[in-house]
Amino acid sequence: MLLSRRQVLKYTVCGGALCALSYLPFPVHAAGSKTLVLFFSHSGNTRKLASMIHDRVGGDMVELKTVNAYTQDYDTLTKLAKKEQQTNARPALATELPNLGEYGTVFLGYPNWWGTMPMALFTLLDNYDFSGKTIIPFCTHGGSRLGRSVDDIKKLCPRAKVLKGFSAFGNRVDGVGNDVDAWLHGLGIATVK
């Protein structure tokens, strides 16, 4: 089948337009899809970071809580967190989550405990379907940044798209606003602020 010049030109223009569309910034607020900032915070640092992100991207915000609250004693907490990792524990969640089917983008926040997320996040990712969603991790830490948490998220959610995460020292969260802006801008995410 031979194509006329007009048909060749038409297909060339349409193909070029589709290629150009593939380079547009990532839309956080895709049509019919909402954004969720979902996080677990122990000391309050991750909560501050989650609020900062929520102020910039909008959507809904939910704090994940466990049935059994974690101790505030640092030494006891670190021993418990290590034991939970070693035993592959799945702490029960107390938070009733919204219908995750309404959300296309989930900002997922947590403190870094022993190189990854707290095991409560493993419970979450095991029990809820994140297929087809875009997960954007963020964490607070004492020096180990995101650790292996992004790899763990990818393993637990193989059908989700996981974007570049953000990490901040827990004791410096109040001063990372410009860094959060740069991270979101680097992802091509339009902010509401």
N, C-alpha and C. Protein backbone atom coordinates (compact mmCIF):
# COMPACT_ATOMS: atom_id res chain seq x y z
N MET A 1 0.84 -1.17 0.00
CA MET A 1 0.00 0.00 0.00
C MET A 1 0.89 1.24 0.00
N LEU A 2 0.66 2.11 -0.93
CA LEU A 2 1.42 3.34 -1.03
C LEU A 2 0.66 4.46 -0.35
N LEU A 3 1.41 5.32 0.32
CA LEU A 3 0.80 6.46 1.01
C LEU A 3 1.04 7.71 0.19
N SER A 4 0.06 8.59 0.20
CA SER A 4 0.24 9.87 -0.48
C SER A 4 1.15 10.76 0.35
N ARG A 5 1.65 11.82 -0.28
CA ARG A 5 2.48 12.76 0.47
C ARG A 5 1.72 13.34 1.65
N ARG A 6 0.47 13.63 1.45
CA ARG A 6 -0.37 14.20 2.51
C ARG A 6 -0.47 13.23 3.69
N GLN A 7 -0.66 11.93 3.43
CA GLN A 7 -0.75 10.94 4.50
C GLN A 7 0.59 10.80 5.23
N VAL A 8 1.69 10.80 4.50
CA VAL A 8 3.02 10.71 5.11
C VAL A 8 3.24 11.90 6.02
N LEU A 9 2.91 13.10 5.52
CA LEU A 9 3.07 14.31 6.31
C LEU A 9 2.19 14.26 7.56
N LYS A 10 0.95 13.81 7.40
CA LYS A 10 0.01 13.70 8.53
C LYS A 10 0.56 12.76 9.60
N TYR A 11 1.05 11.59 9.21
CA TYR A 11 1.58 10.62 10.17
C TYR A 11 2.86 11.12 10.82
N THR A 12 3.67 11.85 10.07
CA THR A 12 4.91 12.41 10.61
C THR A 12 4.60 13.44 11.68
N VAL A 13 3.65 14.33 11.39
CA VAL A 13 3.27 15.37 12.36
C VAL A 13 2.67 14.73 13.61
N CYS A 14 1.77 13.77 13.44
CA CYS A 14 1.15 13.10 14.60
C CYS A 14 2.20 12.36 15.43
N GLY A 15 3.12 11.68 14.78
CA GLY A 15 4.18 10.96 15.51
C GLY A 15 5.07 11.91 16.27
N GLY A 16 5.41 13.05 15.65
CA GLY A 16 6.22 14.05 16.34
C GLY A 16 5.51 14.62 17.55
N ALA A 17 4.21 14.86 17.40
CA ALA A 17 3.44 15.38 18.54
C ALA A 17 3.41 14.39 19.69
N LEU A 18 3.26 13.11 19.39
CA LEU A 18 3.25 12.09 20.45
C LEU A 18 4.61 12.02 21.13
N CYS A 19 5.68 12.12 20.37
CA CYS A 19 7.02 12.12 20.98
C CYS A 19 7.20 13.32 21.89
N ALA A 20 6.73 14.48 21.45
CA ALA A 20 6.85 15.69 22.28
C ALA A 20 6.08 15.54 23.57
N LEU A 21 4.89 14.92 23.51
CA LEU A 21 4.09 14.73 24.72
C LEU A 21 4.80 13.84 25.73
N SER A 22 5.60 12.90 25.27
CA SER A 22 6.28 11.99 26.19
C SER A 22 7.33 12.70 27.02
N TYR A 23 7.73 13.92 26.65
CA TYR A 23 8.74 14.66 27.39
C TYR A 23 8.16 15.72 28.31
N LEU A 24 6.83 15.80 28.39
CA LEU A 24 6.20 16.77 29.29
C LEU A 24 6.45 16.38 30.74
N PRO A 25 6.45 17.36 31.66
CA PRO A 25 6.65 17.06 33.08
C PRO A 25 5.60 16.09 33.60
N PHE A 26 5.98 15.34 34.62
CA PHE A 26 5.09 14.38 35.26
C PHE A 26 3.90 15.08 35.89
N PRO A 27 2.67 14.71 35.51
CA PRO A 27 1.51 15.39 36.10
C PRO A 27 1.11 14.74 37.42
N VAL A 28 1.17 15.49 38.50
CA VAL A 28 0.74 14.95 39.78
C VAL A 28 -0.77 14.82 39.81
N HIS A 29 -1.45 15.80 39.27
CA HIS A 29 -2.91 15.79 39.31
C HIS A 29 -3.47 15.33 37.97
N ALA A 30 -3.20 14.08 37.60
CA ALA A 30 -3.70 13.54 36.35
C ALA A 30 -5.23 13.51 36.41
N ALA A 31 -5.84 13.58 35.25
CA ALA A 31 -7.30 13.60 35.18
C ALA A 31 -7.89 12.39 35.90
N GLY A 32 -8.85 12.64 36.79
CA GLY A 32 -9.52 11.56 37.51
C GLY A 32 -8.67 10.91 38.58
N SER A 33 -7.54 11.49 38.91
CA SER A 33 -6.63 10.86 39.86
C SER A 33 -6.24 11.87 40.93
N LYS A 34 -6.25 11.43 42.15
CA LYS A 34 -5.92 12.31 43.27
C LYS A 34 -4.51 11.99 43.80
N THR A 35 -4.00 12.92 44.60
CA THR A 35 -2.69 12.76 45.22
C THR A 35 -2.87 12.52 46.71
N LEU A 36 -2.10 11.59 47.25
CA LEU A 36 -2.12 11.27 48.68
C LEU A 36 -0.72 11.39 49.24
N VAL A 37 -0.59 12.10 50.35
CA VAL A 37 0.66 12.12 51.11
C VAL A 37 0.42 11.20 52.30
N LEU A 38 1.02 10.03 52.28
CA LEU A 38 0.82 8.98 53.27
C LEU A 38 2.13 8.77 54.00
N PHE A 39 2.11 8.84 55.34
CA PHE A 39 3.39 8.78 56.05
C PHE A 39 3.23 8.15 57.43
N PHE A 40 4.37 7.66 57.92
CA PHE A 40 4.51 7.17 59.29
C PHE A 40 5.57 8.04 59.94
N SER A 41 5.27 8.54 61.14
CA SER A 41 6.23 9.38 61.85
C SER A 41 6.31 8.93 63.30
N HIS A 42 7.51 8.84 63.82
CA HIS A 42 7.68 8.45 65.22
C HIS A 42 7.95 9.66 66.10
N SER A 43 8.96 10.44 65.73
CA SER A 43 9.35 11.58 66.57
C SER A 43 8.69 12.89 66.15
N GLY A 44 8.06 12.90 64.99
CA GLY A 44 7.44 14.12 64.47
C GLY A 44 8.19 14.73 63.30
N ASN A 45 9.43 14.31 63.07
CA ASN A 45 10.20 14.88 61.96
C ASN A 45 9.60 14.54 60.60
N THR A 46 9.20 13.29 60.42
CA THR A 46 8.61 12.89 59.14
C THR A 46 7.26 13.58 58.95
N ARG A 47 6.54 13.80 60.03
CA ARG A 47 5.26 14.54 59.96
C ARG A 47 5.50 15.95 59.43
N LYS A 48 6.55 16.62 59.92
CA LYS A 48 6.89 17.97 59.45
C LYS A 48 7.20 17.95 57.95
N LEU A 49 8.00 16.96 57.53
CA LEU A 49 8.36 16.87 56.12
C LEU A 49 7.13 16.57 55.27
N ALA A 50 6.27 15.68 55.75
CA ALA A 50 5.04 15.36 55.03
C ALA A 50 4.17 16.61 54.87
N SER A 51 4.06 17.41 55.91
CA SER A 51 3.26 18.65 55.84
C SER A 51 3.85 19.62 54.82
N MET A 52 5.17 19.70 54.79
CA MET A 52 5.85 20.57 53.85
C MET A 52 5.55 20.15 52.41
N ILE A 53 5.61 18.85 52.16
CA ILE A 53 5.32 18.32 50.82
C ILE A 53 3.85 18.55 50.49
N HIS A 54 2.97 18.25 51.44
CA HIS A 54 1.53 18.43 51.23
C HIS A 54 1.19 19.88 50.90
N ASP A 55 1.82 20.82 51.58
CA ASP A 55 1.60 22.24 51.29
C ASP A 55 1.94 22.58 49.85
N ARG A 56 2.87 21.85 49.26
CA ARG A 56 3.32 22.15 47.90
C ARG A 56 2.55 21.40 46.82
N VAL A 57 2.10 20.17 47.13
CA VAL A 57 1.45 19.37 46.07
C VAL A 57 -0.05 19.24 46.26
N GLY A 58 -0.56 19.60 47.43
CA GLY A 58 -2.00 19.49 47.67
C GLY A 58 -2.43 18.05 47.85
N GLY A 59 -3.68 17.77 47.57
CA GLY A 59 -4.23 16.43 47.73
C GLY A 59 -4.61 16.15 49.17
N ASP A 60 -4.63 14.89 49.53
CA ASP A 60 -4.99 14.45 50.88
C ASP A 60 -3.75 14.02 51.64
N MET A 61 -3.84 14.03 52.96
CA MET A 61 -2.72 13.62 53.80
C MET A 61 -3.23 12.69 54.89
N VAL A 62 -2.56 11.56 55.07
CA VAL A 62 -2.94 10.57 56.08
C VAL A 62 -1.69 10.11 56.82
N GLU A 63 -1.78 10.11 58.15
CA GLU A 63 -0.68 9.59 58.97
C GLU A 63 -0.98 8.15 59.34
N LEU A 64 -0.02 7.28 59.07
CA LEU A 64 -0.13 5.86 59.37
C LEU A 64 0.24 5.62 60.83
N LYS A 65 -0.62 4.93 61.55
CA LYS A 65 -0.37 4.60 62.96
C LYS A 65 -0.45 3.09 63.14
N THR A 66 0.31 2.58 64.11
CA THR A 66 0.27 1.16 64.42
C THR A 66 -0.66 0.92 65.61
N VAL A 67 -1.16 -0.29 65.71
CA VAL A 67 -2.03 -0.66 66.84
C VAL A 67 -1.27 -0.47 68.15
N ASN A 68 -0.06 -0.99 68.20
CA ASN A 68 0.79 -0.83 69.38
C ASN A 68 1.78 0.30 69.11
N ALA A 69 1.63 1.38 69.85
CA ALA A 69 2.51 2.54 69.67
C ALA A 69 3.94 2.17 70.04
N TYR A 70 4.88 2.78 69.33
CA TYR A 70 6.29 2.54 69.62
C TYR A 70 6.73 3.39 70.82
N THR A 71 7.67 2.85 71.57
CA THR A 71 8.22 3.54 72.73
C THR A 71 8.94 4.82 72.30
N GLN A 72 9.00 5.78 73.20
CA GLN A 72 9.74 7.01 72.94
C GLN A 72 11.20 6.90 73.39
N ASP A 73 11.54 5.83 74.11
CA ASP A 73 12.92 5.62 74.55
C ASP A 73 13.75 5.16 73.34
N TYR A 74 14.74 5.97 72.98
CA TYR A 74 15.51 5.73 71.76
C TYR A 74 16.19 4.36 71.74
N ASP A 75 16.89 4.00 72.81
CA ASP A 75 17.61 2.72 72.84
C ASP A 75 16.66 1.54 72.71
N THR A 76 15.56 1.60 73.43
CA THR A 76 14.57 0.52 73.35
C THR A 76 13.98 0.45 71.95
N LEU A 77 13.70 1.61 71.37
CA LEU A 77 13.13 1.66 70.02
C LEU A 77 14.07 1.05 69.00
N THR A 78 15.36 1.39 69.05
CA THR A 78 16.29 0.86 68.06
C THR A 78 16.42 -0.66 68.16
N LYS A 79 16.40 -1.17 69.38
CA LYS A 79 16.46 -2.63 69.56
C LYS A 79 15.20 -3.29 69.00
N LEU A 80 14.05 -2.70 69.27
CA LEU A 80 12.78 -3.25 68.77
C LEU A 80 12.73 -3.19 67.24
N ALA A 81 13.15 -2.06 66.67
CA ALA A 81 13.12 -1.92 65.21
C ALA A 81 14.03 -2.95 64.55
N LYS A 82 15.20 -3.18 65.14
CA LYS A 82 16.12 -4.18 64.60
C LYS A 82 15.51 -5.59 64.70
N LYS A 83 14.89 -5.88 65.83
CA LYS A 83 14.26 -7.20 66.02
C LYS A 83 13.12 -7.40 65.02
N GLU A 84 12.33 -6.35 64.79
CA GLU A 84 11.24 -6.47 63.81
C GLU A 84 11.79 -6.77 62.43
N GLN A 85 12.90 -6.15 62.07
CA GLN A 85 13.51 -6.43 60.76
C GLN A 85 14.02 -7.86 60.70
N GLN A 86 14.70 -8.29 61.74
CA GLN A 86 15.29 -9.63 61.75
C GLN A 86 14.23 -10.72 61.68
N THR A 87 13.07 -10.47 62.26
CA THR A 87 12.00 -11.46 62.25
C THR A 87 10.98 -11.23 61.13
N ASN A 88 11.26 -10.22 60.29
CA ASN A 88 10.36 -9.88 59.19
C ASN A 88 8.93 -9.61 59.69
N ALA A 89 8.85 -8.91 60.80
CA ALA A 89 7.57 -8.63 61.45
C ALA A 89 6.67 -7.76 60.58
N ARG A 90 5.39 -7.86 60.82
CA ARG A 90 4.41 -7.01 60.15
C ARG A 90 3.49 -6.43 61.23
N PRO A 91 3.91 -5.31 61.85
CA PRO A 91 3.10 -4.70 62.90
C PRO A 91 1.71 -4.34 62.39
N ALA A 92 0.70 -4.58 63.21
CA ALA A 92 -0.69 -4.29 62.82
C ALA A 92 -0.89 -2.78 62.72
N LEU A 93 -1.66 -2.38 61.73
CA LEU A 93 -1.94 -0.96 61.51
C LEU A 93 -3.27 -0.57 62.13
N ALA A 94 -3.30 0.60 62.74
CA ALA A 94 -4.52 1.12 63.35
C ALA A 94 -5.24 2.10 62.42
N THR A 95 -4.53 2.64 61.45
CA THR A 95 -5.09 3.66 60.57
C THR A 95 -6.03 3.05 59.56
N GLU A 96 -7.20 3.66 59.44
CA GLU A 96 -8.13 3.27 58.39
C GLU A 96 -7.82 4.14 57.17
N LEU A 97 -7.39 3.51 56.11
CA LEU A 97 -6.97 4.25 54.93
C LEU A 97 -8.17 4.58 54.04
N PRO A 98 -8.04 5.69 53.31
CA PRO A 98 -9.09 6.01 52.34
C PRO A 98 -9.02 5.00 51.20
N ASN A 99 -9.98 5.05 50.31
CA ASN A 99 -9.99 4.17 49.14
C ASN A 99 -8.79 4.51 48.26
N LEU A 100 -7.79 3.65 48.26
CA LEU A 100 -6.56 3.93 47.51
C LEU A 100 -6.81 3.96 46.01
N GLY A 101 -7.92 3.39 45.57
CA GLY A 101 -8.24 3.41 44.15
C GLY A 101 -8.45 4.81 43.61
N GLU A 102 -8.73 5.76 44.47
CA GLU A 102 -8.95 7.15 44.05
C GLU A 102 -7.65 7.88 43.76
N TYR A 103 -6.52 7.32 44.18
CA TYR A 103 -5.24 8.02 44.10
C TYR A 103 -4.34 7.42 43.03
N GLY A 104 -3.81 8.29 42.20
CA GLY A 104 -2.84 7.85 41.20
C GLY A 104 -1.41 8.08 41.67
N THR A 105 -1.23 9.06 42.56
CA THR A 105 0.09 9.41 43.06
C THR A 105 0.10 9.35 44.57
N VAL A 106 1.06 8.62 45.11
CA VAL A 106 1.19 8.50 46.57
C VAL A 106 2.61 8.90 46.97
N PHE A 107 2.71 10.01 47.72
CA PHE A 107 3.96 10.37 48.36
C PHE A 107 4.03 9.54 49.63
N LEU A 108 5.07 8.72 49.78
CA LEU A 108 5.16 7.77 50.88
C LEU A 108 6.33 8.14 51.79
N GLY A 109 6.02 8.53 53.04
CA GLY A 109 7.05 9.02 53.94
C GLY A 109 7.25 8.16 55.17
N TYR A 110 8.49 8.19 55.69
CA TYR A 110 8.86 7.34 56.83
C TYR A 110 10.23 7.76 57.35
N PRO A 111 10.51 7.41 58.60
CA PRO A 111 11.88 7.55 59.09
C PRO A 111 12.69 6.34 58.62
N ASN A 112 13.98 6.52 58.44
CA ASN A 112 14.84 5.40 58.08
C ASN A 112 15.24 4.68 59.37
N TRP A 113 14.80 3.43 59.50
CA TRP A 113 15.16 2.61 60.66
C TRP A 113 15.99 1.43 60.15
N TRP A 114 17.23 1.37 60.58
CA TRP A 114 18.14 0.28 60.22
C TRP A 114 18.25 0.11 58.71
N GLY A 115 18.38 1.22 58.00
CA GLY A 115 18.67 1.17 56.57
C GLY A 115 17.46 1.07 55.66
N THR A 116 16.26 1.06 56.20
CA THR A 116 15.07 0.98 55.36
C THR A 116 13.87 1.57 56.10
N MET A 117 12.70 1.27 55.61
CA MET A 117 11.47 1.77 56.24
C MET A 117 11.18 0.98 57.51
N PRO A 118 10.42 1.56 58.44
CA PRO A 118 9.92 0.77 59.57
C PRO A 118 9.04 -0.37 59.03
N MET A 119 8.98 -1.46 59.75
CA MET A 119 8.24 -2.63 59.27
C MET A 119 6.74 -2.36 59.12
N ALA A 120 6.23 -1.33 59.76
CA ALA A 120 4.82 -0.96 59.56
C ALA A 120 4.56 -0.60 58.10
N LEU A 121 5.55 -0.03 57.42
CA LEU A 121 5.40 0.28 56.00
C LEU A 121 5.36 -0.99 55.16
N PHE A 122 6.09 -2.01 55.60
CA PHE A 122 6.03 -3.31 54.92
C PHE A 122 4.62 -3.89 55.06
N THR A 123 4.03 -3.74 56.24
CA THR A 123 2.64 -4.18 56.45
C THR A 123 1.73 -3.48 55.45
N LEU A 124 1.87 -2.18 55.36
CA LEU A 124 1.05 -1.38 54.44
C LEU A 124 1.20 -1.87 53.01
N LEU A 125 2.44 -1.98 52.54
CA LEU A 125 2.68 -2.32 51.14
C LEU A 125 2.33 -3.77 50.82
N ASP A 126 2.33 -4.64 51.84
CA ASP A 126 1.89 -6.03 51.66
C ASP A 126 0.37 -6.13 51.54
N ASN A 127 -0.33 -5.27 52.27
CA ASN A 127 -1.78 -5.41 52.40
C ASN A 127 -2.62 -4.55 51.47
N TYR A 128 -2.01 -3.62 50.78
CA TYR A 128 -2.75 -2.75 49.87
C TYR A 128 -2.14 -2.82 48.48
N ASP A 129 -2.99 -2.71 47.48
CA ASP A 129 -2.55 -2.82 46.10
C ASP A 129 -2.14 -1.45 45.55
N PHE A 130 -0.88 -1.31 45.23
CA PHE A 130 -0.36 -0.07 44.68
C PHE A 130 -0.08 -0.20 43.18
N SER A 131 -0.61 -1.24 42.55
CA SER A 131 -0.41 -1.45 41.12
C SER A 131 -0.92 -0.25 40.33
N GLY A 132 -0.11 0.18 39.37
CA GLY A 132 -0.50 1.29 38.51
C GLY A 132 -0.34 2.67 39.12
N LYS A 133 0.06 2.73 40.37
CA LYS A 133 0.22 4.02 41.05
C LYS A 133 1.66 4.51 40.90
N THR A 134 1.83 5.79 41.07
CA THR A 134 3.16 6.37 41.14
C THR A 134 3.47 6.63 42.60
N ILE A 135 4.53 6.00 43.11
CA ILE A 135 4.96 6.16 44.49
C ILE A 135 6.19 7.06 44.51
N ILE A 136 6.13 8.08 45.37
CA ILE A 136 7.26 9.00 45.49
C ILE A 136 7.71 8.97 46.95
N PRO A 137 8.81 8.27 47.24
CA PRO A 137 9.26 8.11 48.63
C PRO A 137 9.95 9.36 49.18
N PHE A 138 9.80 9.54 50.49
CA PHE A 138 10.57 10.57 51.20
C PHE A 138 10.82 10.07 52.61
N CYS A 139 11.95 10.44 53.17
CA CYS A 139 12.27 9.95 54.51
C CYS A 139 13.10 10.95 55.29
N THR A 140 13.07 10.75 56.60
CA THR A 140 13.97 11.45 57.51
C THR A 140 14.96 10.42 58.02
N HIS A 141 16.15 10.89 58.38
CA HIS A 141 17.19 9.93 58.76
C HIS A 141 18.21 10.61 59.66
N GLY A 142 19.10 9.79 60.20
CA GLY A 142 20.18 10.30 61.03
C GLY A 142 21.52 10.24 60.34
N GLY A 143 21.54 9.89 59.05
CA GLY A 143 22.80 9.84 58.31
C GLY A 143 22.80 8.84 57.17
N SER A 144 21.81 7.96 57.11
CA SER A 144 21.83 6.91 56.09
C SER A 144 20.88 7.17 54.92
N ARG A 145 20.36 8.37 54.83
CA ARG A 145 19.50 8.79 53.72
C ARG A 145 18.36 7.80 53.48
N LEU A 146 18.10 7.45 52.22
CA LEU A 146 17.01 6.53 51.90
C LEU A 146 17.40 5.07 52.13
N GLY A 147 18.70 4.81 52.34
CA GLY A 147 19.16 3.43 52.54
C GLY A 147 18.70 2.54 51.40
N ARG A 148 18.18 1.38 51.74
CA ARG A 148 17.68 0.44 50.72
C ARG A 148 16.15 0.50 50.61
N SER A 149 15.55 1.52 51.21
CA SER A 149 14.08 1.60 51.24
C SER A 149 13.46 1.66 49.85
N VAL A 150 14.07 2.36 48.92
CA VAL A 150 13.49 2.47 47.58
C VAL A 150 13.48 1.09 46.91
N ASP A 151 14.57 0.34 47.06
CA ASP A 151 14.61 -1.03 46.51
C ASP A 151 13.54 -1.90 47.17
N ASP A 152 13.34 -1.73 48.47
CA ASP A 152 12.31 -2.51 49.17
C ASP A 152 10.91 -2.15 48.66
N ILE A 153 10.67 -0.86 48.40
CA ILE A 153 9.38 -0.44 47.86
C ILE A 153 9.16 -1.07 46.49
N LYS A 154 10.19 -1.05 45.66
CA LYS A 154 10.08 -1.63 44.31
C LYS A 154 9.79 -3.13 44.37
N LYS A 155 10.40 -3.82 45.33
CA LYS A 155 10.15 -5.26 45.47
C LYS A 155 8.72 -5.54 45.94
N LEU A 156 8.24 -4.71 46.88
CA LEU A 156 6.89 -4.91 47.42
C LEU A 156 5.80 -4.42 46.47
N CYS A 157 6.14 -3.51 45.58
CA CYS A 157 5.16 -2.93 44.64
C CYS A 157 5.70 -2.99 43.21
N PRO A 158 5.87 -4.19 42.67
CA PRO A 158 6.51 -4.31 41.35
C PRO A 158 5.70 -3.70 40.22
N ARG A 159 4.42 -3.47 40.43
CA ARG A 159 3.59 -2.91 39.36
C ARG A 159 3.32 -1.42 39.56
N ALA A 160 4.06 -0.81 40.45
CA ALA A 160 3.96 0.64 40.66
C ALA A 160 5.17 1.30 40.03
N LYS A 161 5.02 2.56 39.70
CA LYS A 161 6.14 3.37 39.21
C LYS A 161 6.71 4.09 40.42
N VAL A 162 7.99 3.90 40.71
CA VAL A 162 8.61 4.53 41.88
C VAL A 162 9.58 5.60 41.38
N LEU A 163 9.30 6.84 41.76
CA LEU A 163 10.13 7.96 41.34
C LEU A 163 11.25 8.22 42.34
N LYS A 164 12.15 9.13 41.97
CA LYS A 164 13.29 9.48 42.82
C LYS A 164 12.80 10.03 44.16
N GLY A 165 13.35 9.47 45.22
CA GLY A 165 12.94 9.88 46.57
C GLY A 165 13.72 11.08 47.09
N PHE A 166 13.28 11.54 48.26
CA PHE A 166 13.90 12.68 48.93
C PHE A 166 14.21 12.27 50.36
N SER A 167 15.35 12.71 50.87
CA SER A 167 15.69 12.42 52.26
C SER A 167 16.22 13.68 52.93
N ALA A 168 15.96 13.78 54.23
CA ALA A 168 16.43 14.93 55.01
C ALA A 168 16.84 14.46 56.38
N PHE A 169 17.89 15.06 56.92
CA PHE A 169 18.26 14.77 58.30
C PHE A 169 17.08 15.14 59.19
N GLY A 170 16.74 14.25 60.09
CA GLY A 170 15.59 14.47 60.96
C GLY A 170 15.66 15.75 61.76
N ASN A 171 16.86 16.07 62.25
CA ASN A 171 17.00 17.25 63.09
C ASN A 171 17.16 18.53 62.29
N ARG A 172 17.08 18.43 60.94
CA ARG A 172 17.22 19.62 60.09
C ARG A 172 16.01 19.84 59.19
N VAL A 173 14.92 19.14 59.47
CA VAL A 173 13.75 19.19 58.60
C VAL A 173 13.23 20.61 58.40
N ASP A 174 13.24 21.41 59.43
CA ASP A 174 12.68 22.76 59.33
C ASP A 174 13.35 23.61 58.26
N GLY A 175 14.57 23.30 57.90
CA GLY A 175 15.30 24.12 56.95
C GLY A 175 15.43 23.56 55.55
N VAL A 176 14.60 22.58 55.17
CA VAL A 176 14.78 21.94 53.86
C VAL A 176 13.76 22.36 52.80
N GLY A 177 13.03 23.43 53.06
CA GLY A 177 12.00 23.87 52.11
C GLY A 177 12.51 24.07 50.69
N ASN A 178 13.66 24.74 50.54
CA ASN A 178 14.22 24.96 49.20
C ASN A 178 14.65 23.65 48.55
N ASP A 179 15.15 22.72 49.36
CA ASP A 179 15.54 21.41 48.83
C ASP A 179 14.32 20.62 48.35
N VAL A 180 13.23 20.71 49.09
CA VAL A 180 11.98 20.05 48.68
C VAL A 180 11.50 20.65 47.36
N ASP A 181 11.55 21.99 47.24
CA ASP A 181 11.14 22.64 46.00
C ASP A 181 11.99 22.16 44.83
N ALA A 182 13.29 22.07 45.03
CA ALA A 182 14.20 21.63 43.95
C ALA A 182 13.92 20.18 43.57
N TRP A 183 13.66 19.34 44.55
CA TRP A 183 13.36 17.92 44.29
C TRP A 183 12.08 17.80 43.46
N LEU A 184 11.02 18.48 43.87
CA LEU A 184 9.76 18.41 43.14
C LEU A 184 9.93 18.97 41.73
N HIS A 185 10.65 20.07 41.61
CA HIS A 185 10.90 20.67 40.31
C HIS A 185 11.68 19.68 39.42
N GLY A 186 12.68 19.01 40.02
CA GLY A 186 13.47 18.01 39.27
C GLY A 186 12.63 16.84 38.78
N LEU A 187 11.57 16.53 39.50
CA LEU A 187 10.65 15.47 39.08
C LEU A 187 9.64 15.98 38.06
N GLY A 188 9.63 17.29 37.84
CA GLY A 188 8.67 17.86 36.91
C GLY A 188 7.29 18.01 37.50
N ILE A 189 7.23 18.12 38.83
CA ILE A 189 5.94 18.19 39.50
C ILE A 189 5.60 19.66 39.78
N ALA A 190 4.45 20.06 39.27
CA ALA A 190 3.97 21.42 39.51
C ALA A 190 3.48 21.51 40.95
N THR A 191 3.83 22.59 41.61
CA THR A 191 3.40 22.78 43.00
C THR A 191 2.26 23.78 43.07
N VAL A 192 1.48 23.68 44.13
CA VAL A 192 0.35 24.58 44.31
C VAL A 192 0.75 25.83 45.09
N LYS A 193 1.95 25.83 45.64
CA LYS A 193 2.43 26.95 46.45
C LYS A 193 3.29 27.88 45.64
